[in-house]
């Protein structure tokens, strides 16, 4: 009988947390938060769709489910910065980095972040890696995206078939 109380207490606490997290505090902050990540997420997903034949429908559905679950459990949707890094490499590299490699990189990244979070080592890693190094990686990814974008701007894009067509006239 003693084991049922902690489980029911955990369930009750989880339900209360989800109710609190799903309550709208300010409609403007909710709208602002919802639009914040879309400015980078949608272009990256569209670029992956064109460059790597990513299934757009499946990606958007699972992203929505993930954001709803993390928003309900933690109060805010989890940022996907590591996944943006993986996408940057996938888009800017040639055919050597396809969908299976993207999936493997995502699984390995999530596993590493999970272990760092569970063990409490995330704070140690944060203190060990200087901010200029982080900013340098961000800059290099941004420049890589820019160069790839120029390459795609030069060509006609068929988003419905996820293909780059011929040169623009």
Protein backbone atom coordinates (compact mmCIF):
# COMPACT_ATOMS: atom_id res chain seq x y z
CA UNK A 1 0.00 0.00 0.00
CA UNK A 2 2.83 2.44 0.72
CA UNK A 3 4.07 2.26 -2.91
CA UNK A 4 0.73 3.44 -4.34
CA UNK A 5 0.82 6.79 -2.51
CA UNK A 6 4.08 8.08 -4.05
CA UNK A 7 2.86 7.08 -7.52
CA UNK A 8 -0.49 8.81 -7.05
CA UNK A 9 1.30 11.82 -5.55
CA UNK A 10 3.55 11.97 -8.61
CA UNK A 11 0.57 11.71 -10.95
CA UNK A 12 -1.30 14.42 -9.07
CA UNK A 13 1.73 16.72 -9.08
CA UNK A 14 2.25 16.12 -12.80
CA UNK A 15 -1.40 16.87 -13.60
CA UNK A 16 -1.26 20.08 -11.53
CA UNK A 17 1.95 21.12 -13.29
CA UNK A 18 0.40 20.52 -16.73
CA UNK A 19 -2.71 22.53 -15.78
CA UNK A 20 -0.55 25.41 -14.56
CA UNK A 21 1.64 25.31 -17.68
CA UNK A 22 -1.33 25.24 -20.05
CA UNK A 23 -2.91 28.35 -18.52
CA UNK A 24 -2.47 31.47 -20.68
CA UNK A 25 -0.72 34.18 -18.72
CA UNK A 26 -0.52 36.81 -21.42
CA UNK A 27 -1.75 36.38 -24.95
CA UNK A 28 0.99 38.62 -26.31
CA UNK A 29 3.81 36.71 -24.66
CA UNK A 30 2.29 33.46 -25.92
CA UNK A 31 2.10 34.80 -29.48
CA UNK A 32 5.62 36.21 -29.21
CA UNK A 33 6.99 32.90 -27.97
CA UNK A 34 5.16 30.93 -30.63
CA UNK A 35 6.53 33.11 -33.43
CA UNK A 36 10.08 33.38 -32.08
CA UNK A 37 11.34 30.00 -33.18
CA UNK A 38 9.33 29.90 -36.41
CA UNK A 39 11.58 32.55 -37.95
CA UNK A 40 14.43 30.07 -38.00
CA UNK A 41 12.59 26.75 -37.87
CA UNK A 42 10.44 27.09 -41.00
CA UNK A 43 13.29 28.18 -43.33
CA UNK A 44 15.50 25.38 -42.03
CA UNK A 45 12.80 22.75 -42.50
CA UNK A 46 12.01 24.03 -46.00
CA UNK A 47 15.71 24.01 -46.88
CA UNK A 48 16.03 20.43 -45.63
CA UNK A 49 12.96 19.51 -47.64
CA UNK A 50 14.55 20.85 -50.80
CA UNK A 51 18.10 19.69 -50.12
CA UNK A 52 17.54 16.26 -48.56
CA UNK A 53 14.01 15.15 -49.54
CA UNK A 54 12.78 15.49 -45.96
CA UNK A 55 9.13 14.52 -45.47
CA UNK A 56 7.65 17.88 -44.55
CA UNK A 57 4.31 16.61 -43.22
CA UNK A 58 5.83 14.07 -40.84
CA UNK A 59 8.40 16.58 -39.62
CA UNK A 60 5.80 19.24 -38.86
CA UNK A 61 3.46 16.78 -37.11
CA UNK A 62 6.16 15.40 -34.83
CA UNK A 63 7.50 18.89 -34.13
CA UNK A 64 4.02 19.98 -33.09
CA UNK A 65 3.55 16.96 -30.81
CA UNK A 66 7.01 17.50 -29.26
CA UNK A 67 6.38 21.21 -28.65
CA UNK A 68 2.94 20.57 -27.14
CA UNK A 69 4.29 17.89 -24.78
CA UNK A 70 7.33 19.86 -23.64
CA UNK A 71 5.24 23.01 -23.30
CA UNK A 72 2.70 21.19 -21.16
CA UNK A 73 5.31 19.49 -18.96
CA UNK A 74 7.91 22.27 -18.61
CA UNK A 75 5.95 25.46 -19.23
CA UNK A 76 7.82 26.39 -22.42
CA UNK A 77 8.57 24.46 -25.59
CA UNK A 78 12.16 23.24 -25.60
CA UNK A 79 14.50 25.07 -27.95
CA UNK A 80 16.01 22.96 -30.69
CA UNK A 81 19.34 24.73 -31.13
CA UNK A 82 21.40 21.51 -31.46
CA UNK A 83 19.01 20.30 -34.14
CA UNK A 84 19.48 23.56 -36.02
CA UNK A 85 23.21 22.87 -35.98
CA UNK A 86 22.65 19.42 -37.42
CA UNK A 87 20.40 20.91 -40.09
CA UNK A 88 23.06 23.48 -40.97
CA UNK A 89 25.61 20.75 -41.57
CA UNK A 90 23.12 18.66 -43.53
CA UNK A 91 22.06 21.54 -45.77
CA UNK A 92 25.54 22.87 -46.44
CA UNK A 93 27.17 19.48 -47.02
CA UNK A 94 26.71 17.51 -50.17
CA UNK A 95 24.95 14.21 -50.58
CA UNK A 96 27.19 12.58 -47.95
CA UNK A 97 24.91 13.73 -45.10
CA UNK A 98 21.42 12.38 -45.79
CA UNK A 99 18.29 11.64 -43.78
CA UNK A 100 19.76 8.57 -41.99
CA UNK A 101 22.74 10.62 -40.86
CA UNK A 102 20.45 13.45 -39.72
CA UNK A 103 18.40 10.97 -37.69
CA UNK A 104 21.51 9.39 -36.14
CA UNK A 105 22.94 12.81 -35.26
CA UNK A 106 19.64 13.80 -33.63
CA UNK A 107 19.47 10.62 -31.58
CA UNK A 108 23.10 10.94 -30.45
CA UNK A 109 22.67 14.63 -29.61
CA UNK A 110 19.50 14.03 -27.61
CA UNK A 111 21.16 11.13 -25.78
CA UNK A 112 24.17 13.25 -24.88
CA UNK A 113 22.01 16.17 -23.71
CA UNK A 114 19.82 13.81 -21.70
CA UNK A 115 22.86 12.31 -19.94
CA UNK A 116 24.34 15.74 -19.25
CA UNK A 117 21.03 16.94 -17.85
CA UNK A 118 20.32 13.89 -15.70
CA UNK A 119 23.81 13.75 -14.22
CA UNK A 120 23.99 17.50 -13.62
CA UNK A 121 27.08 17.85 -15.79
CA UNK A 122 25.43 20.42 -18.07
CA UNK A 123 26.46 23.24 -15.72
CA UNK A 124 30.07 21.98 -15.74
CA UNK A 125 30.15 21.90 -19.54
CA UNK A 126 28.62 25.38 -19.61
CA UNK A 127 31.42 26.69 -17.38
CA UNK A 128 34.20 24.88 -19.31
CA UNK A 129 33.31 26.10 -22.81
CA UNK A 130 34.00 29.83 -23.20
CA UNK A 131 31.25 31.96 -24.74
CA UNK A 132 33.50 33.19 -27.62
CA UNK A 133 33.83 29.59 -28.81
CA UNK A 134 30.06 29.16 -28.78
CA UNK A 135 29.64 32.44 -30.68
CA UNK A 136 32.30 31.36 -33.21
CA UNK A 137 30.43 28.12 -33.90
CA UNK A 138 27.21 30.08 -34.32
CA UNK A 139 28.90 32.50 -36.72
CA UNK A 140 30.38 29.70 -38.81
CA UNK A 141 26.98 28.00 -39.07
CA UNK A 142 25.35 31.28 -40.04
CA UNK A 143 27.92 31.87 -42.77
CA UNK A 144 27.47 28.31 -43.98
CA UNK A 145 23.70 28.88 -44.17
CA UNK A 146 24.22 32.14 -46.05
CA UNK A 147 26.46 30.51 -48.66
CA UNK A 148 23.98 27.66 -49.11
CA UNK A 149 21.11 30.13 -49.39
CA UNK A 150 22.89 31.96 -52.21
CA UNK A 151 23.32 28.64 -53.99
CA UNK A 152 19.58 27.88 -53.68
CA UNK A 153 18.52 31.40 -54.66
CA UNK A 154 20.27 30.90 -57.99
CA UNK A 155 17.96 27.95 -58.79
CA UNK A 156 14.23 27.56 -59.19
CA UNK A 157 12.69 25.65 -56.26
CA UNK A 158 9.79 23.22 -56.49
CA UNK A 159 8.69 22.81 -52.86
CA UNK A 160 5.83 20.46 -53.71
CA UNK A 161 8.32 17.93 -55.11
CA UNK A 162 11.18 18.93 -52.78
CA UNK A 163 13.54 19.47 -55.71
CA UNK A 164 15.82 22.17 -57.01
CA UNK A 165 15.07 22.87 -60.62
CA UNK A 166 17.27 24.56 -63.23
CA UNK A 167 18.95 27.94 -63.09
CA UNK A 168 16.77 31.06 -62.79
CA UNK A 169 16.46 33.21 -65.90
